[in-house]
Amino acid sequence: MINRLIIMSSSVETRSITIADVARAAGVSKATASFAYSGKGRMSAETRERVLREAERLGYQPSTHARILAGGRCNDTVGFFTLDIDLSGRTRQMQVIIGALSKLGFWVPIHGCGYEDQTRPEAQLMQINSMLGQRPRAVICNLSGLLPSSLERL
């Protein structure tokens, strides 16, 4: 049902929190902040903890694209592609929305949970965090089955 579909966007431009913002807040270099967040590099436990604390406080979400560029491949990503998923009328609605946005030049990755994971909060949050890591301009969300903690994260 279309009444369960919402589009969240803002006409006000907001700037995403970057690793440079985290570094500045933690009082370290951008490279040190990046290494602390990725778990790479040598530094004191105190420095790593300070960077992670500031990242959480600021609401930093690492860019999926930057992770791929830095590592050459995103090992926790699996591409899934099909021309047709015949599940219901909602699939057709999704295809119409994706088609319209694609014609306008938008990339519209689909994020969702596996059938058995739909009611697990950690599974929903993992997919939401993955989506937010791409720093989307807007979010189209079907609220059916979405847990309160997931909606709050969005």
N, C-alpha and C. Protein backbone atom coordinates (compact mmCIF):
# COMPACT_ATOMS: atom_id res chain seq x y z
N MET A 1 0.84 -1.18 0.00
CA MET A 1 0.00 0.00 0.00
C MET A 1 0.89 1.24 0.00
N ILE A 2 0.53 2.17 -0.83
CA ILE A 2 1.34 3.37 -0.98
C ILE A 2 1.33 4.24 0.29
N ASN A 3 0.31 4.12 1.12
CA ASN A 3 0.26 4.93 2.34
C ASN A 3 1.30 4.49 3.37
N ARG A 4 1.95 3.36 3.16
CA ARG A 4 3.01 2.91 4.06
C ARG A 4 4.38 3.28 3.55
N LEU A 5 4.43 4.00 2.44
CA LEU A 5 5.68 4.40 1.84
C LEU A 5 5.90 5.87 2.16
N ILE A 6 7.06 6.20 2.70
CA ILE A 6 7.34 7.60 2.97
C ILE A 6 8.65 7.98 2.31
N ILE A 7 8.78 9.22 1.99
CA ILE A 7 10.02 9.74 1.45
C ILE A 7 10.52 10.77 2.44
N MET A 8 11.75 10.57 2.89
CA MET A 8 12.34 11.51 3.84
C MET A 8 13.43 12.28 3.13
N SER A 9 13.27 13.57 3.09
CA SER A 9 14.26 14.42 2.46
C SER A 9 14.16 15.78 3.10
N SER A 10 15.12 16.59 2.86
CA SER A 10 15.12 17.92 3.42
C SER A 10 15.49 18.91 2.34
N SER A 11 14.79 20.02 2.30
CA SER A 11 15.13 21.05 1.32
C SER A 11 16.32 21.86 1.80
N VAL A 12 16.68 21.70 3.06
CA VAL A 12 17.83 22.41 3.62
C VAL A 12 19.06 21.53 3.41
N GLU A 13 20.10 22.10 2.80
CA GLU A 13 21.33 21.36 2.59
C GLU A 13 22.01 21.13 3.94
N THR A 14 22.35 19.91 4.23
CA THR A 14 23.08 19.60 5.44
C THR A 14 24.40 18.97 5.04
N ARG A 15 25.43 19.27 5.78
CA ARG A 15 26.75 18.74 5.50
C ARG A 15 26.96 17.49 6.33
N SER A 16 27.44 16.45 5.69
CA SER A 16 27.73 15.21 6.40
C SER A 16 28.98 15.38 7.25
N ILE A 17 29.01 14.66 8.36
CA ILE A 17 30.19 14.64 9.22
C ILE A 17 31.26 13.81 8.52
N THR A 18 32.46 14.36 8.41
CA THR A 18 33.56 13.66 7.74
C THR A 18 34.60 13.20 8.75
N ILE A 19 35.53 12.40 8.27
CA ILE A 19 36.62 11.94 9.13
C ILE A 19 37.47 13.12 9.59
N ALA A 20 37.52 14.19 8.77
CA ALA A 20 38.25 15.40 9.16
C ALA A 20 37.59 16.06 10.37
N ASP A 21 36.26 16.04 10.42
CA ASP A 21 35.54 16.59 11.58
C ASP A 21 35.85 15.78 12.84
N VAL A 22 35.88 14.47 12.68
CA VAL A 22 36.19 13.58 13.81
C VAL A 22 37.61 13.85 14.30
N ALA A 23 38.55 13.96 13.35
CA ALA A 23 39.95 14.22 13.71
C ALA A 23 40.08 15.53 14.47
N ARG A 24 39.43 16.56 13.98
CA ARG A 24 39.48 17.87 14.63
C ARG A 24 38.93 17.79 16.06
N ALA A 25 37.78 17.11 16.23
CA ALA A 25 37.17 16.98 17.55
C ALA A 25 38.03 16.17 18.51
N ALA A 26 38.75 15.17 17.98
CA ALA A 26 39.59 14.31 18.82
C ALA A 26 40.99 14.88 19.01
N GLY A 27 41.32 15.93 18.26
CA GLY A 27 42.65 16.55 18.38
C GLY A 27 43.76 15.71 17.77
N VAL A 28 43.45 15.03 16.66
CA VAL A 28 44.45 14.20 15.98
C VAL A 28 44.43 14.54 14.49
N SER A 29 45.39 13.99 13.75
CA SER A 29 45.41 14.20 12.31
C SER A 29 44.30 13.38 11.65
N LYS A 30 43.97 13.75 10.42
CA LYS A 30 42.96 13.02 9.65
C LYS A 30 43.39 11.56 9.45
N ALA A 31 44.69 11.35 9.18
CA ALA A 31 45.20 9.99 8.97
C ALA A 31 45.05 9.16 10.25
N THR A 32 45.39 9.76 11.40
CA THR A 32 45.27 9.04 12.67
C THR A 32 43.82 8.68 12.94
N ALA A 33 42.90 9.61 12.68
CA ALA A 33 41.48 9.32 12.88
C ALA A 33 41.02 8.19 11.98
N SER A 34 41.47 8.22 10.73
CA SER A 34 41.10 7.18 9.78
C SER A 34 41.62 5.81 10.23
N PHE A 35 42.90 5.78 10.65
CA PHE A 35 43.47 4.52 11.12
C PHE A 35 42.78 4.02 12.39
N ALA A 36 42.44 4.94 13.28
CA ALA A 36 41.76 4.55 14.52
C ALA A 36 40.39 3.96 14.20
N TYR A 37 39.69 4.57 13.28
CA TYR A 37 38.34 4.11 12.96
C TYR A 37 38.37 2.78 12.22
N SER A 38 39.37 2.58 11.35
CA SER A 38 39.46 1.35 10.58
C SER A 38 40.11 0.21 11.36
N GLY A 39 40.74 0.54 12.51
CA GLY A 39 41.43 -0.48 13.29
C GLY A 39 42.83 -0.74 12.81
N LYS A 40 43.31 0.07 11.87
CA LYS A 40 44.66 -0.09 11.34
C LYS A 40 45.58 0.91 12.02
N GLY A 41 46.85 0.76 11.82
CA GLY A 41 47.82 1.73 12.34
C GLY A 41 48.12 1.53 13.81
N ARG A 42 49.27 2.04 14.20
CA ARG A 42 49.70 1.93 15.60
C ARG A 42 49.41 3.23 16.32
N MET A 43 48.76 3.10 17.46
CA MET A 43 48.47 4.25 18.31
C MET A 43 48.08 3.73 19.68
N SER A 44 48.07 4.61 20.62
CA SER A 44 47.69 4.19 21.97
C SER A 44 46.20 3.85 22.01
N ALA A 45 45.86 2.99 22.93
CA ALA A 45 44.45 2.63 23.12
C ALA A 45 43.63 3.86 23.48
N GLU A 46 44.25 4.78 24.22
CA GLU A 46 43.57 6.01 24.63
C GLU A 46 43.21 6.86 23.40
N THR A 47 44.16 6.99 22.47
CA THR A 47 43.91 7.78 21.26
C THR A 47 42.81 7.14 20.43
N ARG A 48 42.90 5.83 20.23
CA ARG A 48 41.88 5.11 19.45
C ARG A 48 40.50 5.30 20.08
N GLU A 49 40.44 5.14 21.40
CA GLU A 49 39.16 5.29 22.11
C GLU A 49 38.62 6.72 21.98
N ARG A 50 39.49 7.72 22.06
CA ARG A 50 39.06 9.12 21.94
C ARG A 50 38.47 9.38 20.55
N VAL A 51 39.13 8.84 19.52
CA VAL A 51 38.63 9.02 18.16
C VAL A 51 37.27 8.34 18.00
N LEU A 52 37.14 7.12 18.47
CA LEU A 52 35.88 6.39 18.36
C LEU A 52 34.76 7.07 19.14
N ARG A 53 35.10 7.59 20.30
CA ARG A 53 34.11 8.30 21.12
C ARG A 53 33.61 9.55 20.39
N GLU A 54 34.53 10.32 19.81
CA GLU A 54 34.15 11.53 19.08
C GLU A 54 33.34 11.19 17.83
N ALA A 55 33.72 10.11 17.16
CA ALA A 55 32.97 9.68 15.97
C ALA A 55 31.52 9.37 16.33
N GLU A 56 31.36 8.66 17.43
CA GLU A 56 30.00 8.32 17.88
C GLU A 56 29.24 9.57 18.31
N ARG A 57 29.91 10.45 19.04
CA ARG A 57 29.26 11.68 19.51
C ARG A 57 28.78 12.55 18.35
N LEU A 58 29.59 12.61 17.30
CA LEU A 58 29.26 13.45 16.14
C LEU A 58 28.29 12.76 15.17
N GLY A 59 28.09 11.45 15.36
CA GLY A 59 27.21 10.71 14.46
C GLY A 59 27.88 10.39 13.13
N TYR A 60 29.20 10.21 13.17
CA TYR A 60 29.96 9.92 11.95
C TYR A 60 29.57 8.58 11.36
N GLN A 61 29.33 8.55 10.07
CA GLN A 61 29.09 7.31 9.33
C GLN A 61 30.14 7.24 8.22
N PRO A 62 31.00 6.24 8.24
CA PRO A 62 32.03 6.15 7.19
C PRO A 62 31.38 5.97 5.82
N SER A 63 31.98 6.58 4.83
CA SER A 63 31.48 6.46 3.47
C SER A 63 31.83 5.09 2.90
N THR A 64 30.83 4.39 2.42
CA THR A 64 31.06 3.09 1.81
C THR A 64 31.98 3.23 0.61
N HIS A 65 31.78 4.28 -0.15
CA HIS A 65 32.60 4.49 -1.35
C HIS A 65 34.05 4.75 -0.98
N ALA A 66 34.30 5.51 0.08
CA ALA A 66 35.68 5.76 0.52
C ALA A 66 36.33 4.47 0.99
N ARG A 67 35.58 3.62 1.70
CA ARG A 67 36.12 2.34 2.15
C ARG A 67 36.54 1.48 0.97
N ILE A 68 35.72 1.48 -0.07
CA ILE A 68 36.03 0.69 -1.26
C ILE A 68 37.28 1.24 -1.93
N LEU A 69 37.37 2.56 -2.07
CA LEU A 69 38.54 3.17 -2.69
C LEU A 69 39.81 2.88 -1.90
N ALA A 70 39.72 2.92 -0.58
CA ALA A 70 40.89 2.71 0.27
C ALA A 70 41.35 1.26 0.24
N GLY A 71 40.41 0.33 0.16
CA GLY A 71 40.77 -1.07 0.24
C GLY A 71 40.72 -1.82 -1.08
N GLY A 72 40.23 -1.16 -2.12
CA GLY A 72 40.14 -1.81 -3.41
C GLY A 72 38.91 -2.69 -3.57
N ARG A 73 38.36 -3.16 -2.47
CA ARG A 73 37.18 -4.00 -2.52
C ARG A 73 36.51 -3.93 -1.15
N CYS A 74 35.22 -3.99 -1.14
CA CYS A 74 34.48 -4.00 0.11
C CYS A 74 34.12 -5.45 0.39
N ASN A 75 34.87 -6.09 1.28
CA ASN A 75 34.72 -7.52 1.51
C ASN A 75 33.40 -7.93 2.14
N ASP A 76 32.69 -6.95 2.73
CA ASP A 76 31.42 -7.31 3.34
C ASP A 76 30.23 -6.92 2.46
N THR A 77 30.49 -6.72 1.17
CA THR A 77 29.44 -6.34 0.23
C THR A 77 29.27 -7.43 -0.82
N VAL A 78 28.04 -7.77 -1.07
CA VAL A 78 27.71 -8.74 -2.10
C VAL A 78 26.74 -8.05 -3.06
N GLY A 79 27.09 -8.02 -4.34
CA GLY A 79 26.18 -7.45 -5.32
C GLY A 79 25.06 -8.43 -5.63
N PHE A 80 23.86 -7.93 -5.70
CA PHE A 80 22.70 -8.75 -6.03
C PHE A 80 21.98 -8.05 -7.16
N PHE A 81 21.83 -8.71 -8.29
CA PHE A 81 21.20 -8.09 -9.44
C PHE A 81 20.23 -9.06 -10.07
N THR A 82 19.05 -8.56 -10.38
CA THR A 82 18.07 -9.34 -11.13
C THR A 82 17.19 -8.36 -11.89
N LEU A 83 16.70 -8.77 -13.02
CA LEU A 83 15.81 -7.92 -13.79
C LEU A 83 14.37 -8.02 -13.33
N ASP A 84 14.07 -9.08 -12.60
CA ASP A 84 12.68 -9.25 -12.19
C ASP A 84 12.61 -10.05 -10.90
N ILE A 85 11.94 -9.48 -9.92
CA ILE A 85 11.62 -10.20 -8.69
C ILE A 85 10.10 -10.15 -8.60
N ASP A 86 9.46 -11.25 -8.80
CA ASP A 86 8.00 -11.26 -8.84
C ASP A 86 7.45 -11.64 -7.47
N LEU A 87 7.39 -10.68 -6.59
CA LEU A 87 6.89 -10.94 -5.24
C LEU A 87 5.47 -10.42 -5.06
N SER A 88 5.20 -9.23 -5.59
CA SER A 88 3.87 -8.65 -5.41
C SER A 88 3.78 -7.35 -6.19
N GLY A 89 2.65 -6.70 -6.01
CA GLY A 89 2.47 -5.39 -6.64
C GLY A 89 3.46 -4.36 -6.12
N ARG A 90 3.95 -4.55 -4.90
CA ARG A 90 4.94 -3.61 -4.35
C ARG A 90 6.24 -3.65 -5.14
N THR A 91 6.57 -4.81 -5.69
CA THR A 91 7.77 -4.91 -6.51
C THR A 91 7.63 -4.01 -7.72
N ARG A 92 6.47 -4.00 -8.34
CA ARG A 92 6.23 -3.14 -9.49
C ARG A 92 6.31 -1.67 -9.07
N GLN A 93 5.76 -1.33 -7.92
CA GLN A 93 5.86 0.05 -7.42
C GLN A 93 7.32 0.45 -7.26
N MET A 94 8.12 -0.44 -6.69
CA MET A 94 9.54 -0.18 -6.48
C MET A 94 10.23 0.02 -7.83
N GLN A 95 9.91 -0.81 -8.81
CA GLN A 95 10.51 -0.69 -10.13
C GLN A 95 10.15 0.65 -10.79
N VAL A 96 8.91 1.09 -10.62
CA VAL A 96 8.49 2.37 -11.19
C VAL A 96 9.26 3.52 -10.53
N ILE A 97 9.39 3.48 -9.21
CA ILE A 97 10.12 4.52 -8.48
C ILE A 97 11.59 4.54 -8.91
N ILE A 98 12.21 3.38 -8.95
CA ILE A 98 13.63 3.29 -9.35
C ILE A 98 13.81 3.79 -10.78
N GLY A 99 12.91 3.39 -11.66
CA GLY A 99 13.00 3.83 -13.06
C GLY A 99 12.90 5.34 -13.19
N ALA A 100 11.95 5.93 -12.47
CA ALA A 100 11.77 7.39 -12.54
C ALA A 100 13.00 8.12 -11.99
N LEU A 101 13.52 7.64 -10.88
CA LEU A 101 14.69 8.28 -10.30
C LEU A 101 15.93 8.08 -11.17
N SER A 102 16.06 6.90 -11.77
CA SER A 102 17.20 6.63 -12.66
C SER A 102 17.19 7.57 -13.85
N LYS A 103 16.02 7.83 -14.41
CA LYS A 103 15.91 8.77 -15.54
C LYS A 103 16.36 10.18 -15.15
N LEU A 104 16.26 10.49 -13.86
CA LEU A 104 16.70 11.80 -13.37
C LEU A 104 18.18 11.80 -12.98
N GLY A 105 18.85 10.65 -13.16
CA GLY A 105 20.27 10.57 -12.89
C GLY A 105 20.65 10.08 -11.51
N PHE A 106 19.70 9.53 -10.77
CA PHE A 106 19.99 9.04 -9.43
C PHE A 106 20.34 7.56 -9.47
N TRP A 107 21.24 7.16 -8.56
CA TRP A 107 21.57 5.76 -8.32
C TRP A 107 20.71 5.32 -7.16
N VAL A 108 19.99 4.23 -7.28
CA VAL A 108 19.03 3.83 -6.26
C VAL A 108 19.33 2.40 -5.79
N PRO A 109 20.32 2.24 -4.89
CA PRO A 109 20.57 0.89 -4.37
C PRO A 109 19.42 0.47 -3.45
N ILE A 110 19.16 -0.81 -3.41
CA ILE A 110 18.08 -1.35 -2.59
C ILE A 110 18.70 -2.02 -1.37
N HIS A 111 18.18 -1.71 -0.21
CA HIS A 111 18.65 -2.32 1.03
C HIS A 111 17.47 -3.00 1.71
N GLY A 112 17.68 -4.19 2.18
CA GLY A 112 16.62 -4.90 2.86
C GLY A 112 17.18 -6.06 3.65
N CYS A 113 16.33 -6.67 4.43
CA CYS A 113 16.74 -7.80 5.27
C CYS A 113 16.26 -9.10 4.63
N GLY A 114 16.98 -10.16 4.91
CA GLY A 114 16.54 -11.48 4.49
C GLY A 114 15.24 -11.84 5.19
N TYR A 115 14.53 -12.77 4.65
CA TYR A 115 13.22 -13.14 5.16
C TYR A 115 13.23 -13.44 6.66
N GLU A 116 14.18 -14.23 7.12
CA GLU A 116 14.22 -14.61 8.53
C GLU A 116 14.79 -13.52 9.43
N ASP A 117 15.44 -12.51 8.85
CA ASP A 117 16.06 -11.44 9.63
C ASP A 117 15.16 -10.21 9.79
N GLN A 118 14.01 -10.20 9.16
CA GLN A 118 13.17 -9.01 9.13
C GLN A 118 12.81 -8.46 10.51
N THR A 119 12.67 -9.33 11.49
CA THR A 119 12.24 -8.87 12.82
C THR A 119 13.40 -8.69 13.79
N ARG A 120 14.63 -8.92 13.33
CA ARG A 120 15.80 -8.76 14.19
C ARG A 120 16.29 -7.32 14.14
N PRO A 121 16.29 -6.61 15.29
CA PRO A 121 16.72 -5.21 15.29
C PRO A 121 18.13 -5.02 14.73
N GLU A 122 19.06 -5.92 15.08
CA GLU A 122 20.43 -5.75 14.62
C GLU A 122 20.54 -5.90 13.10
N ALA A 123 19.70 -6.74 12.51
CA ALA A 123 19.71 -6.92 11.05
C ALA A 123 19.17 -5.67 10.36
N GLN A 124 18.08 -5.12 10.91
CA GLN A 124 17.52 -3.89 10.33
C GLN A 124 18.53 -2.75 10.45
N LEU A 125 19.14 -2.60 11.63
CA LEU A 125 20.10 -1.52 11.83
C LEU A 125 21.34 -1.68 10.95
N MET A 126 21.79 -2.91 10.72
CA MET A 126 22.95 -3.13 9.86
C MET A 126 22.65 -2.63 8.44
N GLN A 127 21.47 -2.93 7.92
CA GLN A 127 21.11 -2.48 6.58
C GLN A 127 20.92 -0.96 6.53
N ILE A 128 20.32 -0.40 7.56
CA ILE A 128 20.13 1.06 7.60
C ILE A 128 21.48 1.75 7.67
N ASN A 129 22.39 1.25 8.51
CA ASN A 129 23.72 1.86 8.60
C ASN A 129 24.49 1.73 7.28
N SER A 130 24.32 0.61 6.60
CA SER A 130 24.96 0.44 5.30
C SER A 130 24.43 1.48 4.32
N MET A 131 23.12 1.67 4.32
CA MET A 131 22.52 2.66 3.43
C MET A 131 22.98 4.07 3.79
N LEU A 132 22.97 4.41 5.07
CA LEU A 132 23.38 5.75 5.50
C LEU A 132 24.86 6.00 5.24
N GLY A 133 25.66 4.94 5.23
CA GLY A 133 27.07 5.07 4.91
C GLY A 133 27.31 5.52 3.49
N GLN A 134 26.30 5.37 2.64
CA GLN A 134 26.40 5.85 1.26
C GLN A 134 26.02 7.32 1.16
N ARG A 135 25.63 7.91 2.27
CA ARG A 135 25.26 9.33 2.35
C ARG A 135 24.23 9.73 1.29
N PRO A 136 23.06 9.08 1.33
CA PRO A 136 22.05 9.37 0.31
C PRO A 136 21.46 10.77 0.44
N ARG A 137 21.02 11.30 -0.68
CA ARG A 137 20.37 12.61 -0.69
C ARG A 137 18.99 12.51 -0.05
N ALA A 138 18.35 11.38 -0.22
CA ALA A 138 17.01 11.15 0.33
C ALA A 138 16.87 9.66 0.63
N VAL A 139 15.84 9.34 1.38
CA VAL A 139 15.56 7.95 1.72
C VAL A 139 14.10 7.67 1.41
N ILE A 140 13.86 6.59 0.70
CA ILE A 140 12.51 6.11 0.48
C ILE A 140 12.38 4.87 1.33
N CYS A 141 11.40 4.87 2.21
CA CYS A 141 11.31 3.78 3.19
C CYS A 141 9.90 3.23 3.28
N ASN A 142 9.78 1.94 3.16
CA ASN A 142 8.52 1.25 3.41
C ASN A 142 8.51 0.93 4.90
N LEU A 143 7.59 1.50 5.63
CA LEU A 143 7.57 1.35 7.09
C LEU A 143 7.01 0.02 7.58
N SER A 144 6.46 -0.78 6.71
CA SER A 144 5.86 -2.04 7.10
C SER A 144 6.91 -2.93 7.78
N GLY A 145 6.69 -3.26 9.05
CA GLY A 145 7.59 -4.13 9.79
C GLY A 145 8.82 -3.45 10.37
N LEU A 146 8.98 -2.16 10.14
CA LEU A 146 10.14 -1.45 10.65
C LEU A 146 10.02 -1.28 12.16
N LEU A 147 11.06 -1.67 12.88
CA LEU A 147 11.06 -1.58 14.33
C LEU A 147 11.30 -0.14 14.78
N PRO A 148 10.80 0.26 15.97
CA PRO A 148 10.98 1.64 16.45
C PRO A 148 12.44 2.09 16.49
N SER A 149 13.35 1.21 16.89
CA SER A 149 14.77 1.59 16.94
C SER A 149 15.30 1.88 15.55
N SER A 150 14.81 1.16 14.55
CA SER A 150 15.24 1.40 13.17
C SER A 150 14.69 2.72 12.64
N LEU A 151 13.43 2.99 12.95
CA LEU A 151 12.84 4.25 12.52
C LEU A 151 13.57 5.43 13.17
N GLU A 152 13.92 5.28 14.44
CA GLU A 152 14.66 6.34 15.13
C GLU A 152 16.02 6.59 14.47
N ARG A 153 16.69 5.53 14.05
CA ARG A 153 17.98 5.67 13.39
C ARG A 153 17.86 6.41 12.07
N LEU A 154 16.77 6.14 11.34
CA LEU A 154 16.53 6.85 10.08
C LEU A 154 16.31 8.32 10.34
